[in-house]
Amino acid sequence: MTNPESAGHDYDVVISGAGPAGSAAAILLARRGVRVALLERRSDPGAYKVLCTHSITANAYPVLDELGLVPALGEAGVVRNEARWYTRWGWIEPRAAPAGPELPYAYNIRRSVLDPLVRSRAAQTPGVDLLPGHRVSGLLREAGRTVGVRASAPQGEREIRARLVVGADGKESAVAEIAEVPTRLHENGRFGYLAHFRNLPLHGGIGQTWFLEPDTAYAFPNDDGVTVLAVLPDKKRLPAFREDLEGSFFEFVRALPEAPPIDSAERITRSSVRSTTPSSPGIRPHRASP
């Protein structure tokens, strides 16, 4: 993309959002000679997304490898995302064929480790300028096309011109809203709460997922001996669940087939139970990424 047409632009590409998606895009673009401004609204270099499954599926491994993150992930103590699933037919436990190759895998890793890791890798990539504390407040337009962004920064408002603007700012994207990109709404059939535990033994020492139709739950072992445990009941159960969030959470987990022994584990989440949506969990429609 870098050519004489770039004259008059500060960068070839501006990316709003320095999470895993935005940071990965910045790395891959910069390796191809593209000048990238990577904007992140939060100033804290250790900022991360809290509400997540904290598990990366096996089809993402080639991308992690291409980004050069595999050695760093190993040093961070990630856990392979091996898992078993409880279904109406009982437990499903994938195994490699006797003479076949090893099953593919990626990793279970908390976002508190993953997000800063990918972001720092982006910042170290030649051609990427990481701009923390920059929140997109508007788009620059000329002759009917977008030519950059207006951003609120620690030093005040600034304009950053670029040939392409990428919105990697997640759900309820500010870039998508400003650009008036049509959205797709999907009604939630479930609500969810999660908590983190240390020293929580799981069957086989691997991840567990329960498909109880319509209820769902999962327990994924992560780095530093922490297990992320989440319950996602049918939204019809939400009013009763809210009457006693912690009690309902524990009761739900105890009733799971081969339930993990949460009563003997150390709960380390500040707030013992967290909703998976900003408000009215499971009822508010989600805005799909544009």
Protein backbone atom coordinates (compact mmCIF):
# COMPACT_ATOMS: atom_id res chain seq x y z
CA MET A 1 0.00 0.00 0.00
CA THR A 2 2.92 2.36 0.54
CA ASN A 3 3.36 4.41 -2.65
CA PRO A 4 3.36 8.08 -3.80
CA GLU A 5 -0.40 8.23 -3.14
CA SER A 6 0.48 8.20 0.55
CA ALA A 7 1.71 11.77 0.28
CA GLY A 8 -0.42 13.97 2.49
CA HIS A 9 -1.30 11.13 4.83
CA ASP A 10 0.26 10.59 8.23
CA TYR A 11 -0.14 6.81 7.86
CA ASP A 12 -1.34 4.22 5.39
CA VAL A 13 -3.75 2.70 7.92
CA VAL A 14 -5.30 3.83 11.19
CA ILE A 15 -6.61 1.02 13.40
CA SER A 16 -8.94 1.88 16.26
CA GLY A 17 -8.58 -0.66 19.05
CA ALA A 18 -5.36 -2.35 20.22
CA GLY A 19 -6.87 -5.59 21.45
CA PRO A 20 -5.86 -8.95 19.93
CA ALA A 21 -7.67 -8.24 16.63
CA GLY A 22 -6.35 -4.71 16.10
CA SER A 23 -2.84 -5.56 17.27
CA ALA A 24 -2.66 -8.65 15.06
CA ALA A 25 -3.83 -6.65 12.05
CA ALA A 26 -1.24 -3.97 12.76
CA ILE A 27 1.58 -6.53 12.94
CA LEU A 28 0.64 -8.28 9.71
CA LEU A 29 0.13 -5.04 7.80
CA ALA A 30 3.41 -3.50 9.01
CA ARG A 31 5.34 -6.59 7.96
CA ARG A 32 4.14 -5.88 4.43
CA GLY A 33 5.51 -2.35 4.46
CA VAL A 34 2.37 -0.55 5.62
CA ARG A 35 2.67 2.38 8.04
CA VAL A 36 0.14 1.84 10.84
CA ALA A 37 -1.21 4.03 13.63
CA LEU A 38 -2.66 1.72 16.30
CA LEU A 39 -5.02 3.68 18.56
CA GLU A 40 -6.06 2.42 21.99
CA ARG A 41 -8.53 4.38 24.09
CA ARG A 42 -7.03 3.09 27.36
CA SER A 43 -3.68 4.46 28.54
CA ASP A 44 -2.75 1.48 30.72
CA PRO A 45 -0.37 -0.83 28.79
CA GLY A 46 -1.75 -3.76 30.78
CA ALA A 47 -5.40 -3.08 29.87
CA TYR A 48 -7.42 -6.12 28.84
CA LYS A 49 -10.94 -7.37 28.23
CA VAL A 50 -12.39 -9.05 31.32
CA LEU A 51 -15.44 -10.86 29.99
CA CYS A 52 -14.31 -13.66 27.70
CA THR A 53 -14.07 -17.45 27.51
CA HIS A 54 -10.28 -17.06 27.86
CA SER A 55 -9.84 -19.98 25.46
CA ILE A 56 -8.45 -19.88 21.90
CA THR A 57 -9.57 -22.67 19.59
CA ALA A 58 -7.22 -24.79 17.51
CA ASN A 59 -8.03 -23.12 14.19
CA ALA A 60 -6.31 -19.95 15.53
CA TYR A 61 -2.95 -21.67 16.03
CA PRO A 62 -1.61 -20.85 12.52
CA VAL A 63 -2.31 -17.16 13.14
CA LEU A 64 -0.59 -17.23 16.53
CA ASP A 65 2.39 -18.92 14.89
CA GLU A 66 2.50 -16.40 12.04
CA LEU A 67 2.44 -13.57 14.57
CA GLY A 68 5.43 -15.15 16.32
CA LEU A 69 3.54 -15.42 19.60
CA VAL A 70 3.87 -19.16 20.25
CA PRO A 71 7.21 -19.01 22.16
CA ALA A 72 6.01 -16.06 24.26
CA LEU A 73 2.74 -17.83 25.04
CA GLY A 74 4.69 -20.86 26.22
CA GLU A 75 6.77 -18.68 28.52
CA ALA A 76 3.54 -17.17 29.90
CA GLY A 77 2.44 -20.61 31.07
CA VAL A 78 -0.55 -21.09 28.78
CA VAL A 79 -2.54 -24.34 28.88
CA ARG A 80 -3.39 -26.41 25.82
CA ASN A 81 -7.10 -26.21 25.11
CA GLU A 82 -7.85 -29.92 25.30
CA ALA A 83 -11.45 -30.45 26.37
CA ARG A 84 -14.34 -32.86 26.82
CA TRP A 85 -18.04 -32.09 26.33
CA TYR A 86 -21.13 -33.29 28.12
CA THR A 87 -24.12 -33.73 25.78
CA ARG A 88 -27.48 -35.52 25.67
CA TRP A 89 -25.50 -38.61 24.59
CA GLY A 90 -23.12 -38.39 27.56
CA TRP A 91 -19.48 -37.30 27.54
CA ILE A 92 -17.64 -36.77 24.26
CA GLU A 93 -13.87 -37.06 24.65
CA PRO A 94 -11.85 -36.52 21.45
CA ARG A 95 -8.83 -38.78 21.01
CA ALA A 96 -6.25 -39.02 18.26
CA ALA A 97 -6.34 -42.12 16.06
CA PRO A 98 -3.85 -44.82 17.22
CA ALA A 99 -1.58 -44.29 14.22
CA GLY A 100 -2.74 -40.77 13.39
CA PRO A 101 -1.30 -37.34 14.06
CA GLU A 102 -1.68 -35.48 17.32
CA LEU A 103 -4.94 -33.59 17.67
CA PRO A 104 -4.59 -29.87 16.86
CA TYR A 105 -4.68 -27.44 19.72
CA ALA A 106 -4.41 -23.78 20.64
CA TYR A 107 -4.38 -22.36 24.13
CA ASN A 108 -6.33 -21.35 27.20
CA ILE A 109 -4.99 -18.02 28.39
CA ARG A 110 -6.51 -15.20 30.38
CA ARG A 111 -6.96 -11.93 28.57
CA SER A 112 -4.96 -10.22 31.32
CA VAL A 113 -1.95 -12.06 29.86
CA LEU A 114 -2.90 -12.26 26.17
CA ASP A 115 -3.94 -8.66 25.47
CA PRO A 116 -0.79 -6.92 26.78
CA LEU A 117 1.36 -9.59 25.11
CA VAL A 118 -0.08 -9.06 21.62
CA ARG A 119 -0.19 -5.28 22.07
CA SER A 120 3.47 -5.09 23.11
CA ARG A 121 4.42 -7.26 20.12
CA ALA A 122 2.61 -4.80 17.87
CA ALA A 123 4.37 -1.83 19.48
CA GLN A 124 7.75 -3.49 18.83
CA THR A 125 6.97 -4.09 15.15
CA PRO A 126 8.71 -1.61 12.80
CA GLY A 127 6.10 0.47 11.03
CA VAL A 128 3.56 0.42 13.91
CA ASP A 129 3.03 3.46 16.13
CA LEU A 130 1.02 2.49 19.21
CA LEU A 131 -0.93 5.51 20.46
CA PRO A 132 -2.40 4.80 23.92
CA GLY A 133 -5.05 7.08 25.36
CA HIS A 134 -6.45 7.85 21.91
CA ARG A 135 -10.22 7.54 21.51
CA VAL A 136 -11.75 8.04 18.05
CA SER A 137 -14.29 10.87 18.19
CA GLY A 138 -14.90 11.40 14.49
CA LEU A 139 -13.92 10.53 10.94
CA LEU A 140 -12.22 12.84 8.45
CA ARG A 141 -13.94 12.90 5.09
CA GLU A 142 -12.97 14.39 1.74
CA ALA A 143 -14.79 14.03 -1.57
CA GLY A 144 -17.13 11.46 -0.09
CA ARG A 145 -14.52 9.12 1.33
CA THR A 146 -12.89 8.62 4.73
CA VAL A 147 -9.33 9.92 4.91
CA GLY A 148 -8.55 9.56 8.60
CA VAL A 149 -9.86 10.03 12.12
CA ARG A 150 -10.29 12.70 14.75
CA ALA A 151 -9.16 11.44 18.15
CA SER A 152 -9.29 12.59 21.74
CA ALA A 153 -5.76 12.25 23.10
CA PRO A 154 -3.95 13.13 26.36
CA GLN A 155 -2.69 16.30 24.66
CA GLY A 156 -6.12 17.20 23.33
CA GLU A 157 -7.95 16.66 20.04
CA ARG A 158 -5.83 15.65 17.06
CA GLU A 159 -6.38 14.57 13.47
CA ILE A 160 -4.66 11.54 11.99
CA ARG A 161 -4.86 11.15 8.24
CA ALA A 162 -4.68 7.75 6.56
CA ARG A 163 -5.72 6.00 3.38
CA LEU A 164 -7.68 3.35 5.30
CA VAL A 165 -9.45 3.34 8.66
CA VAL A 166 -10.08 0.03 10.44
CA GLY A 167 -12.54 -0.29 13.31
CA ALA A 168 -11.23 -3.02 15.62
CA ASP A 169 -12.95 -1.52 18.65
CA GLY A 170 -15.28 -4.43 19.30
CA LYS A 171 -18.91 -4.56 20.29
CA GLU A 172 -20.70 -1.21 19.94
CA SER A 173 -17.82 0.04 17.78
CA ALA A 174 -17.45 3.83 17.81
CA VAL A 175 -15.97 3.71 14.30
CA ALA A 176 -18.93 1.70 13.00
CA GLU A 177 -21.40 4.06 14.67
CA ILE A 178 -19.74 7.20 13.30
CA ALA A 179 -19.51 5.63 9.82
CA GLU A 180 -23.18 4.62 10.09
CA VAL A 181 -22.37 1.01 9.24
CA PRO A 182 -25.58 -1.09 9.34
CA THR A 183 -25.70 -3.47 12.28
CA ARG A 184 -27.11 -6.94 12.75
CA LEU A 185 -28.91 -7.69 16.01
CA HIS A 186 -29.11 -11.19 17.48
CA GLU A 187 -31.31 -11.86 20.48
CA ASN A 188 -29.63 -13.61 23.37
CA GLY A 189 -31.25 -16.86 24.43
CA ARG A 190 -29.08 -17.13 27.54
CA PHE A 191 -27.43 -14.97 30.18
CA GLY A 192 -24.07 -15.67 31.75
CA TYR A 193 -21.97 -15.25 34.86
CA LEU A 194 -18.37 -16.24 35.45
CA ALA A 195 -15.83 -16.47 38.26
CA HIS A 196 -12.16 -17.41 38.58
CA PHE A 197 -10.85 -20.16 40.86
CA ARG A 198 -7.41 -21.45 41.81
CA ASN A 199 -6.71 -25.09 42.70
CA LEU A 200 -9.90 -26.33 41.06
CA PRO A 201 -9.32 -29.92 39.87
CA LEU A 202 -11.05 -30.93 36.64
CA HIS A 203 -11.60 -34.43 35.28
CA GLY A 204 -8.50 -35.35 33.28
CA GLY A 205 -7.04 -31.92 34.06
CA ILE A 206 -8.59 -30.51 30.88
CA GLY A 207 -11.41 -28.16 29.94
CA GLN A 208 -15.01 -29.19 30.44
CA THR A 209 -18.12 -27.93 28.65
CA TRP A 210 -21.70 -28.86 29.50
CA PHE A 211 -24.40 -28.63 26.82
CA LEU A 212 -27.55 -29.14 28.88
CA GLU A 213 -30.04 -27.79 26.32
CA PRO A 214 -30.82 -24.98 26.77
CA ASP A 215 -28.42 -24.32 29.67
CA THR A 216 -24.66 -24.34 29.14
CA ALA A 217 -21.57 -24.13 31.34
CA TYR A 218 -17.81 -24.38 30.91
CA ALA A 219 -14.64 -24.67 33.00
CA PHE A 220 -11.33 -23.86 31.28
CA PRO A 221 -7.97 -24.23 33.06
CA ASN A 222 -5.75 -21.25 32.34
CA ASP A 223 -2.30 -19.87 33.07
CA ASP A 224 -1.03 -19.54 36.65
CA GLY A 225 -3.28 -22.37 37.88
CA VAL A 226 -6.44 -20.30 37.42
CA THR A 227 -9.64 -21.87 36.08
CA VAL A 228 -12.35 -19.76 34.45
CA LEU A 229 -15.78 -21.15 35.31
CA ALA A 230 -18.93 -19.81 33.65
CA VAL A 231 -22.62 -20.70 33.67
CA LEU A 232 -24.99 -19.67 30.85
CA PRO A 233 -28.58 -20.58 31.75
CA ASP A 234 -31.68 -19.97 29.66
CA LYS A 235 -32.75 -16.34 30.08
CA LYS A 236 -36.10 -17.44 31.50
CA ARG A 237 -34.19 -18.27 34.69
CA LEU A 238 -32.71 -14.78 35.03
CA PRO A 239 -35.22 -13.26 37.53
CA ALA A 240 -34.82 -16.14 40.00
CA PHE A 241 -31.06 -16.25 39.43
CA ARG A 242 -30.69 -12.57 40.29
CA GLU A 243 -32.37 -12.98 43.67
CA ASP A 244 -29.19 -14.63 44.95
CA LEU A 245 -26.43 -14.41 42.32
CA GLU A 246 -23.69 -16.16 44.26
CA GLY A 247 -25.98 -18.81 45.69
CA SER A 248 -27.55 -19.47 42.28
CA PHE A 249 -24.13 -19.67 40.65
CA PHE A 250 -22.84 -22.25 43.11
CA GLU A 251 -26.07 -24.24 43.05
CA PHE A 252 -25.95 -24.40 39.25
CA VAL A 253 -22.34 -25.63 39.24
CA ARG A 254 -22.89 -28.22 41.97
CA ALA A 255 -25.70 -29.77 39.90
CA LEU A 256 -23.51 -30.30 36.81
CA PRO A 257 -22.61 -33.89 35.84
CA GLU A 258 -19.16 -34.59 37.33
CA ALA A 259 -19.28 -31.09 38.80
CA PRO A 260 -15.94 -29.47 39.65
CA PRO A 261 -15.49 -29.18 43.45
CA ILE A 262 -15.81 -25.42 43.72
CA ASP A 263 -16.50 -25.46 47.48
CA SER A 264 -12.94 -26.61 48.17
CA ALA A 265 -11.27 -24.30 45.62
CA GLU A 266 -9.96 -20.78 46.16
CA ARG A 267 -12.14 -18.15 44.50
CA ILE A 268 -9.94 -15.27 43.33
CA THR A 269 -12.36 -13.08 41.39
CA ARG A 270 -12.83 -9.68 43.05
CA SER A 271 -16.53 -9.81 42.41
CA SER A 272 -17.49 -13.45 42.85
CA VAL A 273 -19.84 -13.42 39.90
CA ARG A 274 -19.77 -11.24 36.80
CA SER A 275 -22.34 -10.71 34.11
CA THR A 276 -21.27 -11.42 30.53
CA THR A 277 -23.05 -8.32 29.22
CA PRO A 278 -22.76 -4.67 30.32
CA SER A 279 -26.38 -4.45 31.47
CA SER A 280 -29.48 -6.63 31.55
CA PRO A 281 -27.40 -9.76 30.88
CA GLY A 282 -28.89 -12.10 28.31
CA ILE A 283 -31.77 -9.78 27.44
CA ARG A 284 -30.13 -6.90 25.65
CA PRO A 285 -29.50 -7.76 21.96
CA HIS A 286 -25.83 -7.92 20.98
CA ARG A 287 -24.51 -5.78 18.17
CA ALA A 288 -22.60 -7.93 15.73
CA SER A 289 -19.23 -6.77 14.44
CA PRO A 290 -19.67 -4.86 11.18
